[in-house]
N, C-alpha and C. Protein backbone atom coordinates (compact mmCIF):
# COMPACT_ATOMS: atom_id res chain seq x y z
N MET A 1 0.82 -1.19 0.00
CA MET A 1 0.00 0.00 0.00
C MET A 1 0.86 1.25 0.00
N ASP A 2 1.75 1.33 -0.97
CA ASP A 2 2.61 2.51 -1.04
C ASP A 2 2.04 3.52 -2.04
N ALA A 3 2.55 4.73 -1.96
CA ALA A 3 2.04 5.83 -2.78
C ALA A 3 2.26 5.58 -4.28
N ALA A 4 3.37 4.96 -4.63
CA ALA A 4 3.67 4.73 -6.05
C ALA A 4 2.67 3.77 -6.68
N SER A 5 2.33 2.69 -5.97
CA SER A 5 1.36 1.74 -6.54
C SER A 5 -0.03 2.37 -6.59
N CYS A 6 -0.35 3.18 -5.59
CA CYS A 6 -1.63 3.89 -5.59
C CYS A 6 -1.70 4.82 -6.79
N ARG A 7 -0.62 5.57 -7.03
CA ARG A 7 -0.60 6.50 -8.15
C ARG A 7 -0.73 5.77 -9.48
N ALA A 8 -0.03 4.66 -9.63
CA ALA A 8 -0.11 3.88 -10.87
C ALA A 8 -1.54 3.37 -11.09
N HIS A 9 -2.16 2.89 -10.03
CA HIS A 9 -3.53 2.40 -10.13
C HIS A 9 -4.49 3.53 -10.53
N LEU A 10 -4.36 4.67 -9.86
CA LEU A 10 -5.22 5.81 -10.19
C LEU A 10 -4.97 6.32 -11.60
N ALA A 11 -3.73 6.31 -12.04
CA ALA A 11 -3.41 6.76 -13.40
C ALA A 11 -4.12 5.89 -14.42
N ARG A 12 -4.11 4.57 -14.19
CA ARG A 12 -4.79 3.66 -15.11
C ARG A 12 -6.29 3.88 -15.10
N VAL A 13 -6.88 4.01 -13.90
CA VAL A 13 -8.33 4.20 -13.79
C VAL A 13 -8.74 5.50 -14.47
N LEU A 14 -7.99 6.58 -14.22
CA LEU A 14 -8.34 7.87 -14.83
C LEU A 14 -8.18 7.83 -16.35
N ALA A 15 -7.15 7.13 -16.84
CA ALA A 15 -6.98 7.00 -18.29
C ALA A 15 -8.14 6.21 -18.90
N ASP A 16 -8.53 5.13 -18.23
CA ASP A 16 -9.68 4.35 -18.71
C ASP A 16 -10.96 5.17 -18.68
N GLU A 17 -11.11 5.97 -17.63
CA GLU A 17 -12.30 6.81 -17.50
C GLU A 17 -12.32 7.88 -18.60
N GLN A 18 -11.17 8.47 -18.89
CA GLN A 18 -11.09 9.45 -19.98
C GLN A 18 -11.51 8.81 -21.30
N GLY A 19 -10.99 7.62 -21.56
CA GLY A 19 -11.34 6.91 -22.79
C GLY A 19 -12.82 6.60 -22.88
N ALA A 20 -13.39 6.16 -21.77
CA ALA A 20 -14.82 5.85 -21.76
C ALA A 20 -15.66 7.10 -21.97
N LEU A 21 -15.25 8.21 -21.40
CA LEU A 21 -15.99 9.47 -21.57
C LEU A 21 -15.87 9.99 -23.00
N VAL A 22 -14.70 9.82 -23.63
CA VAL A 22 -14.55 10.19 -25.04
C VAL A 22 -15.52 9.38 -25.88
N GLU A 23 -15.55 8.07 -25.64
CA GLU A 23 -16.46 7.20 -26.39
C GLU A 23 -17.92 7.56 -26.13
N LEU A 24 -18.26 7.85 -24.89
CA LEU A 24 -19.65 8.22 -24.58
C LEU A 24 -20.04 9.51 -25.29
N GLU A 25 -19.14 10.47 -25.30
CA GLU A 25 -19.42 11.74 -25.98
C GLU A 25 -19.68 11.51 -27.47
N LEU A 26 -18.84 10.69 -28.09
CA LEU A 26 -19.04 10.36 -29.51
C LEU A 26 -20.35 9.61 -29.70
N GLN A 27 -20.64 8.71 -28.77
CA GLN A 27 -21.87 7.93 -28.87
C GLN A 27 -23.11 8.82 -28.76
N LEU A 28 -23.06 9.79 -27.87
CA LEU A 28 -24.19 10.71 -27.72
C LEU A 28 -24.37 11.56 -28.98
N ASP A 29 -23.27 11.90 -29.65
CA ASP A 29 -23.37 12.63 -30.92
C ASP A 29 -23.99 11.74 -32.00
N ARG A 30 -23.61 10.46 -32.03
CA ARG A 30 -24.21 9.53 -32.99
C ARG A 30 -25.70 9.35 -32.69
N GLU A 31 -26.03 9.28 -31.41
CA GLU A 31 -27.43 9.15 -31.01
C GLU A 31 -28.24 10.36 -31.48
N TYR A 32 -27.67 11.55 -31.32
CA TYR A 32 -28.35 12.76 -31.76
C TYR A 32 -28.57 12.74 -33.28
N ALA A 33 -27.54 12.32 -34.02
CA ALA A 33 -27.68 12.23 -35.48
C ALA A 33 -28.77 11.24 -35.86
N ALA A 34 -28.84 10.11 -35.16
CA ALA A 34 -29.89 9.12 -35.44
C ALA A 34 -31.27 9.68 -35.10
N LEU A 35 -31.35 10.42 -34.00
CA LEU A 35 -32.63 11.06 -33.63
C LEU A 35 -33.04 12.08 -34.69
N ALA A 36 -32.09 12.89 -35.13
CA ALA A 36 -32.40 13.93 -36.12
C ALA A 36 -32.85 13.32 -37.45
N LYS A 37 -32.24 12.19 -37.83
CA LYS A 37 -32.60 11.52 -39.08
C LYS A 37 -33.80 10.59 -38.93
N ARG A 38 -34.21 10.38 -37.69
CA ARG A 38 -35.30 9.44 -37.38
C ARG A 38 -34.96 8.03 -37.85
N ASP A 39 -33.70 7.67 -37.68
CA ASP A 39 -33.19 6.36 -38.07
C ASP A 39 -33.30 5.42 -36.87
N THR A 40 -34.36 4.61 -36.84
CA THR A 40 -34.63 3.77 -35.67
C THR A 40 -33.57 2.69 -35.49
N THR A 41 -33.05 2.15 -36.57
CA THR A 41 -32.01 1.12 -36.45
C THR A 41 -30.75 1.70 -35.81
N ALA A 42 -30.32 2.84 -36.32
CA ALA A 42 -29.13 3.49 -35.75
C ALA A 42 -29.39 3.93 -34.32
N LEU A 43 -30.61 4.34 -34.03
CA LEU A 43 -30.95 4.77 -32.67
C LEU A 43 -30.89 3.60 -31.69
N GLU A 44 -31.38 2.44 -32.10
CA GLU A 44 -31.30 1.25 -31.24
C GLU A 44 -29.84 0.87 -30.99
N GLU A 45 -29.03 0.91 -32.03
CA GLU A 45 -27.61 0.60 -31.88
C GLU A 45 -26.93 1.61 -30.96
N ALA A 46 -27.27 2.88 -31.14
CA ALA A 46 -26.68 3.94 -30.31
C ALA A 46 -27.09 3.77 -28.85
N ALA A 47 -28.35 3.41 -28.62
CA ALA A 47 -28.82 3.23 -27.24
C ALA A 47 -28.10 2.06 -26.57
N ASP A 48 -27.89 0.98 -27.32
CA ASP A 48 -27.17 -0.17 -26.76
C ASP A 48 -25.72 0.20 -26.44
N ALA A 49 -25.08 0.91 -27.36
CA ALA A 49 -23.69 1.31 -27.14
C ALA A 49 -23.58 2.29 -25.97
N ARG A 50 -24.55 3.20 -25.87
CA ARG A 50 -24.54 4.16 -24.75
C ARG A 50 -24.70 3.43 -23.43
N ALA A 51 -25.60 2.46 -23.39
CA ALA A 51 -25.81 1.69 -22.16
C ALA A 51 -24.52 0.95 -21.77
N TRP A 52 -23.82 0.40 -22.76
CA TRP A 52 -22.57 -0.30 -22.47
C TRP A 52 -21.53 0.67 -21.91
N GLN A 53 -21.42 1.86 -22.51
CA GLN A 53 -20.46 2.86 -22.01
C GLN A 53 -20.81 3.31 -20.60
N MET A 54 -22.09 3.47 -20.33
CA MET A 54 -22.50 3.88 -18.98
C MET A 54 -22.14 2.80 -17.96
N THR A 55 -22.35 1.54 -18.33
CA THR A 55 -21.97 0.44 -17.44
C THR A 55 -20.47 0.46 -17.19
N ARG A 56 -19.71 0.69 -18.24
CA ARG A 56 -18.24 0.78 -18.12
C ARG A 56 -17.85 1.92 -17.18
N LEU A 57 -18.50 3.07 -17.31
CA LEU A 57 -18.18 4.21 -16.44
C LEU A 57 -18.55 3.95 -14.99
N VAL A 58 -19.66 3.27 -14.77
CA VAL A 58 -20.05 2.95 -13.39
C VAL A 58 -19.02 2.01 -12.76
N LYS A 59 -18.55 1.03 -13.53
CA LYS A 59 -17.53 0.11 -13.02
C LYS A 59 -16.23 0.84 -12.70
N LEU A 60 -15.86 1.78 -13.55
CA LEU A 60 -14.64 2.56 -13.29
C LEU A 60 -14.80 3.44 -12.06
N GLU A 61 -15.98 4.02 -11.89
CA GLU A 61 -16.21 4.82 -10.69
C GLU A 61 -16.14 3.94 -9.44
N ASP A 62 -16.73 2.74 -9.53
CA ASP A 62 -16.64 1.81 -8.40
C ASP A 62 -15.19 1.45 -8.10
N GLU A 63 -14.40 1.26 -9.15
CA GLU A 63 -12.99 0.93 -8.95
C GLU A 63 -12.24 2.09 -8.29
N ARG A 64 -12.56 3.31 -8.70
CA ARG A 64 -11.94 4.49 -8.09
C ARG A 64 -12.33 4.61 -6.62
N ARG A 65 -13.60 4.39 -6.33
CA ARG A 65 -14.06 4.45 -4.93
C ARG A 65 -13.43 3.34 -4.10
N SER A 66 -13.30 2.18 -4.70
CA SER A 66 -12.68 1.05 -4.01
C SER A 66 -11.21 1.36 -3.68
N ALA A 67 -10.53 2.02 -4.60
CA ALA A 67 -9.14 2.41 -4.35
C ALA A 67 -9.07 3.37 -3.17
N CYS A 68 -10.00 4.31 -3.12
CA CYS A 68 -10.03 5.25 -1.98
C CYS A 68 -10.20 4.48 -0.67
N ALA A 69 -11.14 3.55 -0.65
CA ALA A 69 -11.40 2.77 0.56
C ALA A 69 -10.20 1.91 0.91
N THR A 70 -9.57 1.30 -0.09
CA THR A 70 -8.41 0.44 0.15
C THR A 70 -7.27 1.21 0.81
N TYR A 71 -7.07 2.44 0.39
CA TYR A 71 -5.97 3.24 0.94
C TYR A 71 -6.40 4.08 2.14
N GLY A 72 -7.61 3.83 2.63
CA GLY A 72 -8.06 4.46 3.87
C GLY A 72 -8.62 5.86 3.72
N TYR A 73 -9.11 6.19 2.53
CA TYR A 73 -9.69 7.52 2.30
C TYR A 73 -11.20 7.39 2.10
N PRO A 74 -11.93 8.45 2.40
CA PRO A 74 -13.37 8.42 2.12
C PRO A 74 -13.60 8.24 0.61
N THR A 75 -14.73 7.68 0.25
CA THR A 75 -14.99 7.37 -1.16
C THR A 75 -15.62 8.53 -1.91
N ASP A 76 -15.69 9.69 -1.30
CA ASP A 76 -16.27 10.85 -1.98
C ASP A 76 -15.18 11.68 -2.66
N ILE A 77 -15.56 12.82 -3.19
CA ILE A 77 -14.62 13.68 -3.92
C ILE A 77 -13.50 14.19 -3.02
N ARG A 78 -13.82 14.45 -1.77
CA ARG A 78 -12.78 14.92 -0.83
C ARG A 78 -11.76 13.82 -0.56
N GLY A 79 -12.24 12.60 -0.45
CA GLY A 79 -11.33 11.48 -0.25
C GLY A 79 -10.41 11.27 -1.43
N LEU A 80 -10.98 11.41 -2.64
CA LEU A 80 -10.16 11.28 -3.84
C LEU A 80 -9.10 12.39 -3.88
N ALA A 81 -9.50 13.61 -3.55
CA ALA A 81 -8.55 14.73 -3.54
C ALA A 81 -7.44 14.49 -2.53
N ALA A 82 -7.79 13.98 -1.36
CA ALA A 82 -6.79 13.70 -0.33
C ALA A 82 -5.85 12.58 -0.78
N MET A 83 -6.42 11.55 -1.40
CA MET A 83 -5.59 10.44 -1.86
C MET A 83 -4.66 10.91 -2.99
N LEU A 84 -5.16 11.75 -3.89
CA LEU A 84 -4.31 12.30 -4.95
C LEU A 84 -3.18 13.14 -4.37
N ALA A 85 -3.48 13.93 -3.34
CA ALA A 85 -2.44 14.75 -2.70
C ALA A 85 -1.36 13.87 -2.08
N TRP A 86 -1.77 12.70 -1.54
CA TRP A 86 -0.81 11.79 -0.91
C TRP A 86 0.03 11.04 -1.95
N CYS A 87 -0.64 10.46 -2.93
CA CYS A 87 0.09 9.57 -3.85
C CYS A 87 0.68 10.29 -5.05
N ASP A 88 0.25 11.53 -5.29
CA ASP A 88 0.73 12.28 -6.45
C ASP A 88 1.08 13.71 -6.03
N PRO A 89 2.12 13.84 -5.18
CA PRO A 89 2.46 15.18 -4.67
C PRO A 89 2.87 16.16 -5.77
N GLU A 90 3.34 15.65 -6.91
CA GLU A 90 3.70 16.54 -8.03
C GLU A 90 2.46 17.01 -8.79
N ARG A 91 1.33 16.42 -8.45
CA ARG A 91 0.03 16.77 -9.05
C ARG A 91 0.00 16.56 -10.57
N THR A 92 0.55 15.45 -11.00
CA THR A 92 0.53 15.14 -12.43
C THR A 92 -0.78 14.50 -12.88
N LEU A 93 -1.55 13.95 -11.94
CA LEU A 93 -2.82 13.31 -12.29
C LEU A 93 -4.01 14.26 -12.22
N GLY A 94 -3.82 15.40 -11.59
CA GLY A 94 -4.92 16.33 -11.41
C GLY A 94 -5.55 16.78 -12.72
N HIS A 95 -4.72 17.03 -13.73
CA HIS A 95 -5.28 17.47 -15.02
C HIS A 95 -6.07 16.36 -15.69
N HIS A 96 -5.70 15.09 -15.45
CA HIS A 96 -6.48 13.97 -15.99
C HIS A 96 -7.87 13.94 -15.35
N TYR A 97 -7.89 14.17 -14.04
CA TYR A 97 -9.18 14.17 -13.35
C TYR A 97 -10.03 15.36 -13.82
N GLN A 98 -9.41 16.53 -13.96
CA GLN A 98 -10.15 17.71 -14.44
C GLN A 98 -10.69 17.48 -15.85
N ASP A 99 -9.93 16.79 -16.68
CA ASP A 99 -10.40 16.46 -18.02
C ASP A 99 -11.62 15.54 -17.95
N CYS A 100 -11.58 14.58 -17.03
CA CYS A 100 -12.73 13.69 -16.85
C CYS A 100 -13.96 14.48 -16.43
N VAL A 101 -13.78 15.42 -15.53
CA VAL A 101 -14.90 16.25 -15.08
C VAL A 101 -15.47 17.05 -16.25
N ALA A 102 -14.60 17.68 -17.03
CA ALA A 102 -15.06 18.48 -18.18
C ALA A 102 -15.78 17.62 -19.20
N ARG A 103 -15.25 16.43 -19.46
CA ARG A 103 -15.90 15.53 -20.41
C ARG A 103 -17.25 15.04 -19.88
N ALA A 104 -17.32 14.76 -18.60
CA ALA A 104 -18.59 14.32 -18.00
C ALA A 104 -19.65 15.42 -18.13
N ILE A 105 -19.24 16.66 -17.96
CA ILE A 105 -20.18 17.78 -18.11
C ILE A 105 -20.65 17.87 -19.56
N ARG A 106 -19.74 17.71 -20.51
CA ARG A 106 -20.14 17.74 -21.93
C ARG A 106 -21.08 16.58 -22.25
N CYS A 107 -20.82 15.42 -21.67
CA CYS A 107 -21.71 14.28 -21.88
C CYS A 107 -23.09 14.55 -21.30
N ARG A 108 -23.13 15.13 -20.11
CA ARG A 108 -24.41 15.48 -19.50
C ARG A 108 -25.18 16.45 -20.39
N ASP A 109 -24.49 17.45 -20.92
CA ASP A 109 -25.13 18.44 -21.78
C ASP A 109 -25.63 17.80 -23.08
N ALA A 110 -24.83 16.92 -23.66
CA ALA A 110 -25.24 16.23 -24.89
C ALA A 110 -26.44 15.33 -24.62
N ASN A 111 -26.45 14.67 -23.48
CA ASN A 111 -27.59 13.83 -23.12
C ASN A 111 -28.85 14.68 -22.94
N SER A 112 -28.70 15.85 -22.33
CA SER A 112 -29.84 16.77 -22.16
C SER A 112 -30.34 17.26 -23.51
N ARG A 113 -29.41 17.55 -24.42
CA ARG A 113 -29.79 17.96 -25.78
C ARG A 113 -30.60 16.86 -26.46
N ASN A 114 -30.15 15.61 -26.35
CA ASN A 114 -30.87 14.49 -26.95
C ASN A 114 -32.25 14.33 -26.33
N ALA A 115 -32.31 14.47 -25.01
CA ALA A 115 -33.60 14.34 -24.32
C ALA A 115 -34.55 15.45 -24.74
N ALA A 116 -34.04 16.66 -24.94
CA ALA A 116 -34.89 17.77 -25.38
C ALA A 116 -35.48 17.48 -26.75
N LEU A 117 -34.69 16.90 -27.64
CA LEU A 117 -35.19 16.55 -28.97
C LEU A 117 -36.27 15.48 -28.87
N VAL A 118 -36.04 14.47 -28.05
CA VAL A 118 -37.04 13.42 -27.86
C VAL A 118 -38.32 14.00 -27.27
N ASN A 119 -38.19 14.85 -26.26
CA ASN A 119 -39.38 15.44 -25.63
C ASN A 119 -40.14 16.33 -26.60
N ALA A 120 -39.44 17.08 -27.44
CA ALA A 120 -40.11 17.93 -28.42
C ALA A 120 -40.88 17.07 -29.43
N ARG A 121 -40.27 15.98 -29.85
CA ARG A 121 -40.96 15.08 -30.79
C ARG A 121 -42.18 14.44 -30.13
N MET A 122 -42.03 14.04 -28.88
CA MET A 122 -43.17 13.42 -28.18
C MET A 122 -44.31 14.42 -28.03
N SER A 123 -43.99 15.67 -27.72
CA SER A 123 -45.03 16.69 -27.59
C SER A 123 -45.73 16.91 -28.91
N ARG A 124 -44.98 16.92 -29.98
CA ARG A 124 -45.57 17.09 -31.32
C ARG A 124 -46.51 15.93 -31.63
N ILE A 125 -46.07 14.72 -31.33
CA ILE A 125 -46.90 13.54 -31.59
C ILE A 125 -48.16 13.58 -30.73
N GLU A 126 -48.01 13.96 -29.46
CA GLU A 126 -49.18 14.09 -28.58
C GLU A 126 -50.17 15.10 -29.15
N GLY A 127 -49.65 16.21 -29.67
CA GLY A 127 -50.51 17.23 -30.26
C GLY A 127 -51.24 16.71 -31.48
N MET A 128 -50.54 15.96 -32.33
CA MET A 128 -51.18 15.40 -33.52
C MET A 128 -52.23 14.36 -33.13
N LEU A 129 -51.91 13.54 -32.13
CA LEU A 129 -52.90 12.56 -31.66
C LEU A 129 -54.12 13.26 -31.08
N GLY A 130 -53.89 14.34 -30.35
CA GLY A 130 -55.00 15.10 -29.79
C GLY A 130 -55.87 15.68 -30.88
N ALA A 131 -55.26 16.14 -31.97
CA ALA A 131 -56.03 16.68 -33.09
C ALA A 131 -56.85 15.58 -33.77
N LEU A 132 -56.28 14.39 -33.87
CA LEU A 132 -56.99 13.27 -34.49
C LEU A 132 -58.15 12.77 -33.63
N THR A 133 -57.92 12.69 -32.33
CA THR A 133 -58.93 12.13 -31.43
C THR A 133 -59.88 13.18 -30.90
N GLY A 134 -59.54 14.44 -31.07
CA GLY A 134 -60.39 15.50 -30.55
C GLY A 134 -60.17 15.76 -29.07
N ALA A 135 -59.21 15.09 -28.47
CA ALA A 135 -58.93 15.29 -27.04
C ALA A 135 -58.23 16.63 -26.87
N ALA A 136 -58.66 17.36 -25.89
CA ALA A 136 -58.04 18.66 -25.61
C ALA A 136 -56.67 18.44 -24.99
N ASP A 137 -55.72 19.19 -25.45
CA ASP A 137 -54.37 19.12 -24.90
C ASP A 137 -54.33 19.97 -23.63
N PRO A 138 -54.03 19.37 -22.49
CA PRO A 138 -54.00 20.17 -21.26
C PRO A 138 -52.88 21.20 -21.32
N ALA A 139 -53.11 22.30 -20.68
CA ALA A 139 -52.09 23.35 -20.63
C ALA A 139 -50.85 22.80 -19.94
N ARG A 140 -49.71 23.17 -20.46
CA ARG A 140 -48.46 22.70 -19.86
C ARG A 140 -48.02 23.71 -18.80
N VAL A 141 -47.70 23.20 -17.66
CA VAL A 141 -47.24 24.04 -16.56
C VAL A 141 -45.81 23.64 -16.25
N TYR A 142 -44.94 24.63 -16.21
CA TYR A 142 -43.53 24.36 -15.96
C TYR A 142 -43.14 24.91 -14.60
N GLY A 143 -42.29 24.17 -13.93
CA GLY A 143 -41.80 24.58 -12.62
C GLY A 143 -40.63 25.53 -12.75
N ARG A 144 -40.12 25.95 -11.63
CA ARG A 144 -39.00 26.87 -11.57
C ARG A 144 -37.77 26.32 -12.28
N ASP A 145 -37.60 24.99 -12.22
CA ASP A 145 -36.43 24.37 -12.83
C ASP A 145 -36.63 24.02 -14.30
N GLY A 146 -37.79 24.38 -14.88
CA GLY A 146 -38.06 24.13 -16.28
C GLY A 146 -38.70 22.79 -16.56
N SER A 147 -38.87 21.95 -15.55
CA SER A 147 -39.48 20.65 -15.77
C SER A 147 -41.00 20.78 -15.74
N LYS A 148 -41.65 19.87 -16.47
CA LYS A 148 -43.10 19.88 -16.51
C LYS A 148 -43.66 19.48 -15.16
N ARG A 149 -44.71 20.13 -14.77
CA ARG A 149 -45.39 19.81 -13.52
C ARG A 149 -46.72 19.16 -13.85
N GLN A 150 -47.13 18.24 -13.02
CA GLN A 150 -48.45 17.66 -13.17
C GLN A 150 -49.48 18.74 -12.86
N GLN A 151 -50.42 18.89 -13.76
CA GLN A 151 -51.43 19.91 -13.52
C GLN A 151 -52.56 19.27 -12.74
N SER A 152 -52.91 19.91 -11.67
CA SER A 152 -54.04 19.44 -10.89
C SER A 152 -55.25 20.27 -11.27
N SER A 153 -56.42 19.82 -10.87
CA SER A 153 -57.63 20.56 -11.21
C SER A 153 -57.74 21.83 -10.38
N GLY A 154 -56.94 21.96 -9.41
CA GLY A 154 -56.94 23.15 -8.57
C GLY A 154 -56.32 22.82 -7.24
N ARG A 155 -56.09 23.82 -6.45
CA ARG A 155 -55.59 23.56 -5.12
C ARG A 155 -56.11 24.63 -4.18
N MET A 156 -56.24 24.26 -2.96
CA MET A 156 -56.77 25.18 -1.97
C MET A 156 -55.66 26.09 -1.48
N LEU A 157 -55.93 27.38 -1.59
CA LEU A 157 -54.96 28.36 -1.13
C LEU A 157 -55.23 28.78 0.31
N SER A 158 -56.52 28.78 0.69
CA SER A 158 -56.88 29.20 2.03
C SER A 158 -58.16 28.48 2.44
N ALA A 159 -58.22 28.05 3.67
CA ALA A 159 -59.41 27.36 4.16
C ALA A 159 -60.42 28.35 4.74
N GLU A 160 -60.03 29.59 4.87
CA GLU A 160 -60.93 30.60 5.42
C GLU A 160 -61.46 31.49 4.32
N ALA A 161 -62.69 32.00 4.55
CA ALA A 161 -63.28 32.91 3.57
C ALA A 161 -63.16 34.33 4.03
């Protein structure tokens, strides 16, 4: 349990994580292209590949957390920072971790972009179905965070008159 072996292990995990995030980012771009083209075959393939990449990332995160626990550090971000400070005093791995964070943020944004496209298409389809069936489309109510809220028939504001 020396610092050099810890650093080598973390270097490998971070490199694998970077690679997985690069692949996920590319996969999310392919998924978006399939969504835009309405290519169901490509979309199914993209969804399967995305699921595989996500599984790979979860395993790598588990491995990183396990390394923290093995070396006696908490498994959260503070524990990782403390372990990096111990095993990598020259801070050569920090930029790898920061790259992983930046890539994860880009992946999150790309996933949100894809979800927005899917939601827009679903809303359009719901509208067309409503026009065909004559069902009234309920008013959409959005919360502070931009997410749709379930519309209730009303709510009591005061029990007194």
